[in-house]
C-alpha atoms as a PDB file:
ATOM      1  CA  UNK A   1     254.367 118.379  37.154  1.00  0.00           C
ATOM      2  CA  UNK A   2     254.304 115.317  39.207  1.00  0.00           C
ATOM      3  CA  UNK A   3     257.593 114.081  38.697  1.00  0.00           C
ATOM      4  CA  UNK A   4     260.566 116.106  38.336  1.00  0.00           C
ATOM      5  CA  UNK A   5     264.278 113.567  38.068  1.00  0.00           C
ATOM      6  CA  UNK A   6     267.120 115.165  37.321  1.00  0.00           C
ATOM      7  CA  UNK A   7     269.606 112.793  35.115  1.00  0.00           C
ATOM      8  CA  UNK A   8     272.774 111.257  37.078  1.00  0.00           C
ATOM      9  CA  UNK A   9     275.556 113.966  35.498  1.00  0.00           C
ATOM     10  CA  UNK A  10     272.825 116.496  35.867  1.00  0.00           C
ATOM     11  CA  UNK A  11     272.677 117.576  32.401  1.00  0.00           C
ATOM     12  CA  UNK A  12     269.227 117.110  32.059  1.00  0.00           C
ATOM     13  CA  UNK A  13     266.055 117.338  33.723  1.00  0.00           C
ATOM     14  CA  UNK A  14     262.987 115.060  32.822  1.00  0.00           C
ATOM     15  CA  UNK A  15     259.423 116.222  34.274  1.00  0.00           C
ATOM     16  CA  UNK A  16     255.980 114.450  33.879  1.00  0.00           C
ATOM     17  CA  UNK A  17     252.398 115.184  34.721  1.00  0.00           C
ATOM     18  CA  UNK A  18     250.189 112.252  35.295  1.00  0.00           C
ATOM     19  CA  UNK A  19     247.753 113.813  33.518  1.00  0.00           C
ATOM     20  CA  UNK A  20     249.616 113.896  30.320  1.00  0.00           C
ATOM     21  CA  UNK A  21     250.946 111.434  28.010  1.00  0.00           C
ATOM     22  CA  UNK A  22     253.851 112.781  27.329  1.00  0.00           C
ATOM     23  CA  UNK A  23     257.975 113.011  29.279  1.00  0.00           C
ATOM     24  CA  UNK A  24     259.300 116.583  29.023  1.00  0.00           C
ATOM     25  CA  UNK A  25     263.188 116.421  29.366  1.00  0.00           C
ATOM     26  CA  UNK A  26     264.325 119.867  29.002  1.00  0.00           C
ATOM     27  CA  UNK A  27     268.914 120.275  28.566  1.00  0.00           C
ATOM     28  CA  UNK A  28     270.377 122.248  31.569  1.00  0.00           C
ATOM     29  CA  UNK A  29     272.864 123.982  29.661  1.00  0.00           C
ATOM     30  CA  UNK A  30     269.743 125.326  26.984  1.00  0.00           C
ATOM     31  CA  UNK A  31     268.237 126.146  30.404  1.00  0.00           C
ATOM     32  CA  UNK A  32     271.468 128.497  31.551  1.00  0.00           C
ATOM     33  CA  UNK A  33     271.723 129.388  27.728  1.00  0.00           C
ATOM     34  CA  UNK A  34     268.596 131.032  28.222  1.00  0.00           C
ATOM     35  CA  UNK A  35     269.095 132.897  31.363  1.00  0.00           C
ATOM     36  CA  UNK A  36     271.837 134.295  30.290  1.00  0.00           C
ATOM     37  CA  UNK A  37     270.881 135.254  27.360  1.00  0.00           C
ATOM     38  CA  UNK A  38     268.023 136.569  28.638  1.00  0.00           C
ATOM     39  CA  UNK A  39     265.739 135.449  26.285  1.00  0.00           C
ATOM     40  CA  UNK A  40     262.754 134.669  27.704  1.00  0.00           C
ATOM     41  CA  UNK A  41     259.043 134.703  26.274  1.00  0.00           C
ATOM     42  CA  UNK A  42     256.735 136.357  29.508  1.00  0.00           C
ATOM     43  CA  UNK A  43     256.734 136.581  33.315  1.00  0.00           C
ATOM     44  CA  UNK A  44     254.114 134.752  35.919  1.00  0.00           C
ATOM     45  CA  UNK A  45     251.555 136.728  38.087  1.00  0.00           C
ATOM     46  CA  UNK A  46     254.822 136.810  40.469  1.00  0.00           C
ATOM     47  CA  UNK A  47     257.277 137.822  38.174  1.00  0.00           C
ATOM     48  CA  UNK A  48     259.437 135.499  37.506  1.00  0.00           C
ATOM     49  CA  UNK A  49     260.623 135.561  33.970  1.00  0.00           C
ATOM     50  CA  UNK A  50     259.321 132.590  32.366  1.00  0.00           C
ATOM     51  CA  UNK A  51     261.330 130.421  28.583  1.00  0.00           C
ATOM     52  CA  UNK A  52     260.182 129.598  25.608  1.00  0.00           C
ATOM     53  CA  UNK A  53     259.377 125.592  26.742  1.00  0.00           C
ATOM     54  CA  UNK A  54     261.391 125.241  23.349  1.00  0.00           C
ATOM     55  CA  UNK A  55     264.486 126.937  23.919  1.00  0.00           C
ATOM     56  CA  UNK A  56     265.469 124.800  26.429  1.00  0.00           C
ATOM     57  CA  UNK A  57     263.357 121.551  24.991  1.00  0.00           C
ATOM     58  CA  UNK A  58     265.910 118.512  25.015  1.00  0.00           C
ATOM     59  CA  UNK A  59     262.862 115.728  23.257  1.00  0.00           C
ATOM     60  CA  UNK A  60     259.228 114.889  24.139  1.00  0.00           C
ATOM     61  CA  UNK A  61     258.462 111.099  24.507  1.00  0.00           C
ATOM     62  CA  UNK A  62     254.769 110.207  24.617  1.00  0.00           C
ATOM     63  CA  UNK A  63     255.302 107.259  27.046  1.00  0.00           C
ATOM     64  CA  UNK A  64     251.379 106.760  27.963  1.00  0.00           C
ATOM     65  CA  UNK A  65     248.705 107.833  30.324  1.00  0.00           C
ATOM     66  CA  UNK A  66     250.147 108.930  33.799  1.00  0.00           C
ATOM     67  CA  UNK A  67     253.599 109.584  33.676  1.00  0.00           C
ATOM     68  CA  UNK A  68     254.592 109.878  37.334  1.00  0.00           C
ATOM     69  CA  UNK A  69     258.098 109.182  38.360  1.00  0.00           C
ATOM     70  CA  UNK A  70     261.126 108.262  36.560  1.00  0.00           C
ATOM     71  CA  UNK A  71     264.269 106.579  38.302  1.00  0.00           C
ATOM     72  CA  UNK A  72     267.153 106.409  36.438  1.00  0.00           C
ATOM     73  CA  UNK A  73     269.669 103.335  35.985  1.00  0.00           C
ATOM     74  CA  UNK A  74     273.301 102.327  34.986  1.00  0.00           C
ATOM     75  CA  UNK A  75     273.183 102.064  31.676  1.00  0.00           C
ATOM     76  CA  UNK A  76     273.858 105.744  29.502  1.00  0.00           C
ATOM     77  CA  UNK A  77     270.089 107.120  28.375  1.00  0.00           C
ATOM     78  CA  UNK A  78     267.663 104.312  30.211  1.00  0.00           C
ATOM     79  CA  UNK A  79     264.941 105.100  32.855  1.00  0.00           C
ATOM     80  CA  UNK A  80     261.933 103.870  33.633  1.00  0.00           C
ATOM     81  CA  UNK A  81     258.971 105.658  34.276  1.00  0.00           C
ATOM     82  CA  UNK A  82     255.692 104.018  36.248  1.00  0.00           C
ATOM     83  CA  UNK A  83     252.115 104.854  33.930  1.00  0.00           C
ATOM     84  CA  UNK A  84     249.431 105.530  36.651  1.00  0.00           C
ATOM     85  CA  UNK A  85     246.780 104.977  34.518  1.00  0.00           C
ATOM     86  CA  UNK A  86     247.690 102.775  32.503  1.00  0.00           C
ATOM     87  CA  UNK A  87     248.995 100.753  35.346  1.00  0.00           C
ATOM     88  CA  UNK A  88     252.553 100.462  33.490  1.00  0.00           C
ATOM     89  CA  UNK A  89     256.101 100.560  33.812  1.00  0.00           C
ATOM     90  CA  UNK A  90     258.225 101.785  30.662  1.00  0.00           C
ATOM     91  CA  UNK A  91     261.314 101.598  29.611  1.00  0.00           C
ATOM     92  CA  UNK A  92     262.725 104.220  27.738  1.00  0.00           C
ATOM     93  CA  UNK A  93     266.087 105.715  25.855  1.00  0.00           C
ATOM     94  CA  UNK A  94     265.488 109.943  27.030  1.00  0.00           C
ATOM     95  CA  UNK A  95     268.296 110.441  24.847  1.00  0.00           C
ATOM     96  CA  UNK A  96     266.787 109.610  21.883  1.00  0.00           C
ATOM     97  CA  UNK A  97     263.975 110.130  23.265  1.00  0.00           C
ATOM     98  CA  UNK A  98     262.048 106.612  22.456  1.00  0.00           C
ATOM     99  CA  UNK A  99     259.513 103.757  23.940  1.00  0.00           C
ATOM    100  CA  UNK A 100     262.415 100.551  24.357  1.00  0.00           C
ATOM    101  CA  UNK A 101     259.772  98.184  25.744  1.00  0.00           C
ATOM    102  CA  UNK A 102     256.768  98.863  28.272  1.00  0.00           C
ATOM    103  CA  UNK A 103     255.396  96.246  31.469  1.00  0.00           C
ATOM    104  CA  UNK A 104     251.698  96.199  32.619  1.00  0.00           C
ATOM    105  CA  UNK A 105     251.117  94.842  36.076  1.00  0.00           C
ATOM    106  CA  UNK A 106     247.866  95.115  37.729  1.00  0.00           C
ATOM    107  CA  UNK A 107     247.892  98.314  39.655  1.00  0.00           C
ATOM    108  CA  UNK A 108     247.932 101.615  39.538  1.00  0.00           C
ATOM    109  CA  UNK A 109     251.604 102.662  39.766  1.00  0.00           C
ATOM    110  CA  UNK A 110     253.194 104.895  41.430  1.00  0.00           C
ATOM    111  CA  UNK A 111     256.835 105.366  42.910  1.00  0.00           C
ATOM    112  CA  UNK A 112     259.655 103.088  41.316  1.00  0.00           C
ATOM    113  CA  UNK A 113     263.097 102.478  43.008  1.00  0.00           C
ATOM    114  CA  UNK A 114     266.637 101.616  41.275  1.00  0.00           C
ATOM    115  CA  UNK A 115     269.153 101.257  42.661  1.00  0.00           C
ATOM    116  CA  UNK A 116     270.989 104.195  43.999  1.00  0.00           C
ATOM    117  CA  UNK A 117     268.589 105.823  40.903  1.00  0.00           C
ATOM    118  CA  UNK A 118     268.529 109.091  43.157  1.00  0.00           C
ATOM    119  CA  UNK A 119     272.677 109.382  42.482  1.00  0.00           C
ATOM    120  CA  UNK A 120     275.005 110.680  41.156  1.00  0.00           C
ATOM    121  CA  UNK A 121     276.859 106.815  40.077  1.00  0.00           C
ATOM    122  CA  UNK A 122     272.817 104.182  39.707  1.00  0.00           C
ATOM    123  CA  UNK A 123     274.107 100.628  39.457  1.00  0.00           C
ATOM    124  CA  UNK A 124     270.725  99.757  39.399  1.00  0.00           C
ATOM    125  CA  UNK A 125     270.515  96.860  37.444  1.00  0.00           C
ATOM    126  CA  UNK A 126     266.248  95.851  39.300  1.00  0.00           C
ATOM    127  CA  UNK A 127     263.083  98.482  39.320  1.00  0.00           C
ATOM    128  CA  UNK A 128     261.504  97.557  42.760  1.00  0.00           C
END
């Protein structure tokens, strides 16, 4: 993945890759349950257990071409993701798994920032 961002409450992990159109939201609770139950589908070449994607997935949302980074804001379930190839920023609901809005920009956008968006208590009302 290119971007792996943890929701402020620690319950979900948002993962995106610039060669995919989707952003996957994984449930930390489901990941922990699979580990505790020993529910692995295989091991990687280094012997690390691999959890089946469907066992850990909360939702997967098609946002657009080249999703990179996802900061969060103070409004519950709302996040913004940069779309590098589409040159857009997408506002979306990661709880419901739906796109709320898209804004086009005039360059291949990458990193985004909201006020305290990487903290446990984001205050973000603005996106930079």
